[in-house]
């Protein structure tokens, strides 16, 4: 492994419940880290680490606005998740069809 930090992929980034909650917060609007911190029982530093992982996975981006950094969702990156989950839509559709057939009989 190289000395540089390995980037996190989308699936690693969303594996943590706190990061999923951060994504939910950012779904509606751009937020500074100070506002996000008020939603969690952890330090600003901990939230910053979660944001760093989300940024490495390109799920969020941050920009400096005055003295604060504001984060926003990068929705185009979610297409990888959508494609992966869409594969399983076929599985569930099949299972629901079988269940419907069993119930009808």
C-alpha atoms as a PDB file:
ATOM      1  CA  UNK A   1       0.000   0.000   0.000  1.00  0.00           C
ATOM      2  CA  UNK A   2       1.345   3.436  -0.827  1.00  0.00           C
ATOM      3  CA  UNK A   3       2.000   6.175   1.685  1.00  0.00           C
ATOM      4  CA  UNK A   4      -0.849   8.274   0.316  1.00  0.00           C
ATOM      5  CA  UNK A   5      -4.277   7.750   1.813  1.00  0.00           C
ATOM      6  CA  UNK A   6      -6.484   5.401  -0.133  1.00  0.00           C
ATOM      7  CA  UNK A   7      -9.688   7.021  -1.342  1.00  0.00           C
ATOM      8  CA  UNK A   8     -12.954   5.647  -0.033  1.00  0.00           C
ATOM      9  CA  UNK A   9     -15.475   4.338  -2.497  1.00  0.00           C
ATOM     10  CA  UNK A  10     -19.176   5.161  -2.422  1.00  0.00           C
ATOM     11  CA  UNK A  11     -20.100   1.934  -0.641  1.00  0.00           C
ATOM     12  CA  UNK A  12     -17.517   2.398   2.110  1.00  0.00           C
ATOM     13  CA  UNK A  13     -18.672   5.970   2.571  1.00  0.00           C
ATOM     14  CA  UNK A  14     -22.344   5.111   3.044  1.00  0.00           C
ATOM     15  CA  UNK A  15     -21.613   2.124   5.295  1.00  0.00           C
ATOM     16  CA  UNK A  16     -21.582   4.344   8.378  1.00  0.00           C
ATOM     17  CA  UNK A  17     -24.968   5.479   9.803  1.00  0.00           C
ATOM     18  CA  UNK A  18     -23.609   8.915  10.768  1.00  0.00           C
ATOM     19  CA  UNK A  19     -22.455   9.548   7.200  1.00  0.00           C
ATOM     20  CA  UNK A  20     -25.863   8.481   5.888  1.00  0.00           C
ATOM     21  CA  UNK A  21     -27.466  11.019   8.245  1.00  0.00           C
ATOM     22  CA  UNK A  22     -25.062  13.710   7.042  1.00  0.00           C
ATOM     23  CA  UNK A  23     -26.125  12.934   3.474  1.00  0.00           C
ATOM     24  CA  UNK A  24     -29.779  13.300   4.487  1.00  0.00           C
ATOM     25  CA  UNK A  25     -29.046  16.701   6.030  1.00  0.00           C
ATOM     26  CA  UNK A  26     -27.309  17.856   2.867  1.00  0.00           C
ATOM     27  CA  UNK A  27     -30.068  16.563   0.589  1.00  0.00           C
ATOM     28  CA  UNK A  28     -32.167  19.671   1.129  1.00  0.00           C
ATOM     29  CA  UNK A  29     -29.537  22.414   1.331  1.00  0.00           C
ATOM     30  CA  UNK A  30     -25.900  23.394   1.583  1.00  0.00           C
ATOM     31  CA  UNK A  31     -24.696  23.520   5.203  1.00  0.00           C
ATOM     32  CA  UNK A  32     -21.626  24.597   7.169  1.00  0.00           C
ATOM     33  CA  UNK A  33     -20.009  22.053   9.444  1.00  0.00           C
ATOM     34  CA  UNK A  34     -21.097  24.016  12.531  1.00  0.00           C
ATOM     35  CA  UNK A  35     -24.768  23.556  11.641  1.00  0.00           C
ATOM     36  CA  UNK A  36     -24.310  19.846  10.907  1.00  0.00           C
ATOM     37  CA  UNK A  37     -22.544  19.291  14.229  1.00  0.00           C
ATOM     38  CA  UNK A  38     -25.618  20.440  16.142  1.00  0.00           C
ATOM     39  CA  UNK A  39     -27.511  17.384  14.794  1.00  0.00           C
ATOM     40  CA  UNK A  40     -25.083  14.818  16.249  1.00  0.00           C
ATOM     41  CA  UNK A  41     -23.807  13.879  19.721  1.00  0.00           C
ATOM     42  CA  UNK A  42     -20.181  14.135  18.599  1.00  0.00           C
ATOM     43  CA  UNK A  43     -17.477  16.710  18.148  1.00  0.00           C
ATOM     44  CA  UNK A  44     -16.916  18.993  15.199  1.00  0.00           C
ATOM     45  CA  UNK A  45     -13.689  17.082  14.520  1.00  0.00           C
ATOM     46  CA  UNK A  46     -15.590  13.790  14.253  1.00  0.00           C
ATOM     47  CA  UNK A  47     -18.057  15.315  11.786  1.00  0.00           C
ATOM     48  CA  UNK A  48     -15.141  16.759   9.811  1.00  0.00           C
ATOM     49  CA  UNK A  49     -13.660  13.258   9.518  1.00  0.00           C
ATOM     50  CA  UNK A  50     -16.975  11.900   8.242  1.00  0.00           C
ATOM     51  CA  UNK A  51     -17.158  14.754   5.730  1.00  0.00           C
ATOM     52  CA  UNK A  52     -13.622  13.975   4.575  1.00  0.00           C
ATOM     53  CA  UNK A  53     -14.630  10.389   3.787  1.00  0.00           C
ATOM     54  CA  UNK A  54     -17.766  11.556   1.988  1.00  0.00           C
ATOM     55  CA  UNK A  55     -15.646  14.031   0.027  1.00  0.00           C
ATOM     56  CA  UNK A  56     -13.126  11.342  -0.949  1.00  0.00           C
ATOM     57  CA  UNK A  57     -16.022   9.296  -2.332  1.00  0.00           C
ATOM     58  CA  UNK A  58     -17.247  12.395  -4.210  1.00  0.00           C
ATOM     59  CA  UNK A  59     -20.616  12.250  -2.451  1.00  0.00           C
ATOM     60  CA  UNK A  60     -20.222  15.776  -1.059  1.00  0.00           C
ATOM     61  CA  UNK A  61     -18.138  18.799  -1.929  1.00  0.00           C
ATOM     62  CA  UNK A  62     -17.097  21.728   0.173  1.00  0.00           C
ATOM     63  CA  UNK A  63     -16.424  25.326  -0.716  1.00  0.00           C
ATOM     64  CA  UNK A  64     -15.061  28.144   1.349  1.00  0.00           C
ATOM     65  CA  UNK A  65     -17.592  30.938   1.954  1.00  0.00           C
ATOM     66  CA  UNK A  66     -16.073  33.651   4.093  1.00  0.00           C
ATOM     67  CA  UNK A  67     -14.662  32.047   7.216  1.00  0.00           C
ATOM     68  CA  UNK A  68     -16.641  28.826   6.962  1.00  0.00           C
ATOM     69  CA  UNK A  69     -16.687  25.853   4.654  1.00  0.00           C
ATOM     70  CA  UNK A  70     -20.094  24.913   3.284  1.00  0.00           C
ATOM     71  CA  UNK A  71     -20.850  21.387   2.112  1.00  0.00           C
ATOM     72  CA  UNK A  72     -23.318  20.226  -0.489  1.00  0.00           C
ATOM     73  CA  UNK A  73     -24.409  16.929  -1.977  1.00  0.00           C
ATOM     74  CA  UNK A  74     -22.911  15.703  -5.258  1.00  0.00           C
ATOM     75  CA  UNK A  75     -25.985  13.884  -6.603  1.00  0.00           C
ATOM     76  CA  UNK A  76     -24.333  12.641  -9.803  1.00  0.00           C
ATOM     77  CA  UNK A  77     -22.143  10.288  -7.754  1.00  0.00           C
ATOM     78  CA  UNK A  78     -25.224   8.495  -6.481  1.00  0.00           C
ATOM     79  CA  UNK A  79     -25.702   6.983  -9.938  1.00  0.00           C
ATOM     80  CA  UNK A  80     -23.209   4.234  -9.002  1.00  0.00           C
ATOM     81  CA  UNK A  81     -25.410   3.322  -6.034  1.00  0.00           C
ATOM     82  CA  UNK A  82     -28.532   3.500  -8.123  1.00  0.00           C
ATOM     83  CA  UNK A  83     -27.078   1.180 -10.778  1.00  0.00           C
ATOM     84  CA  UNK A  84     -26.011  -1.357  -8.178  1.00  0.00           C
ATOM     85  CA  UNK A  85     -29.390  -1.314  -6.423  1.00  0.00           C
ATOM     86  CA  UNK A  86     -31.276  -1.463  -9.748  1.00  0.00           C
ATOM     87  CA  UNK A  87     -29.723  -4.863 -10.342  1.00  0.00           C
ATOM     88  CA  UNK A  88     -31.610  -6.141  -7.291  1.00  0.00           C
ATOM     89  CA  UNK A  89     -34.929  -4.634  -8.419  1.00  0.00           C
ATOM     90  CA  UNK A  90     -35.249  -7.631 -10.711  1.00  0.00           C
ATOM     91  CA  UNK A  91     -34.730  -9.965  -7.754  1.00  0.00           C
ATOM     92  CA  UNK A  92     -37.447  -8.285  -5.670  1.00  0.00           C
ATOM     93  CA  UNK A  93     -39.855  -8.040  -8.593  1.00  0.00           C
ATOM     94  CA  UNK A  94     -39.456 -11.778  -9.130  1.00  0.00           C
ATOM     95  CA  UNK A  95     -40.001 -12.564  -5.433  1.00  0.00           C
ATOM     96  CA  UNK A  96     -43.103 -10.350  -5.291  1.00  0.00           C
ATOM     97  CA  UNK A  97     -44.521 -12.043  -8.383  1.00  0.00           C
ATOM     98  CA  UNK A  98     -43.984 -15.468  -6.797  1.00  0.00           C
ATOM     99  CA  UNK A  99     -45.626 -14.292  -3.568  1.00  0.00           C
ATOM    100  CA  UNK A 100     -48.590 -12.893  -5.487  1.00  0.00           C
ATOM    101  CA  UNK A 101     -48.971 -16.196  -7.320  1.00  0.00           C
ATOM    102  CA  UNK A 102     -48.871 -18.161  -4.030  1.00  0.00           C
ATOM    103  CA  UNK A 103     -51.392 -15.848  -2.365  1.00  0.00           C
ATOM    104  CA  UNK A 104     -53.763 -16.009  -5.353  1.00  0.00           C
ATOM    105  CA  UNK A 105     -53.867 -19.811  -5.233  1.00  0.00           C
END
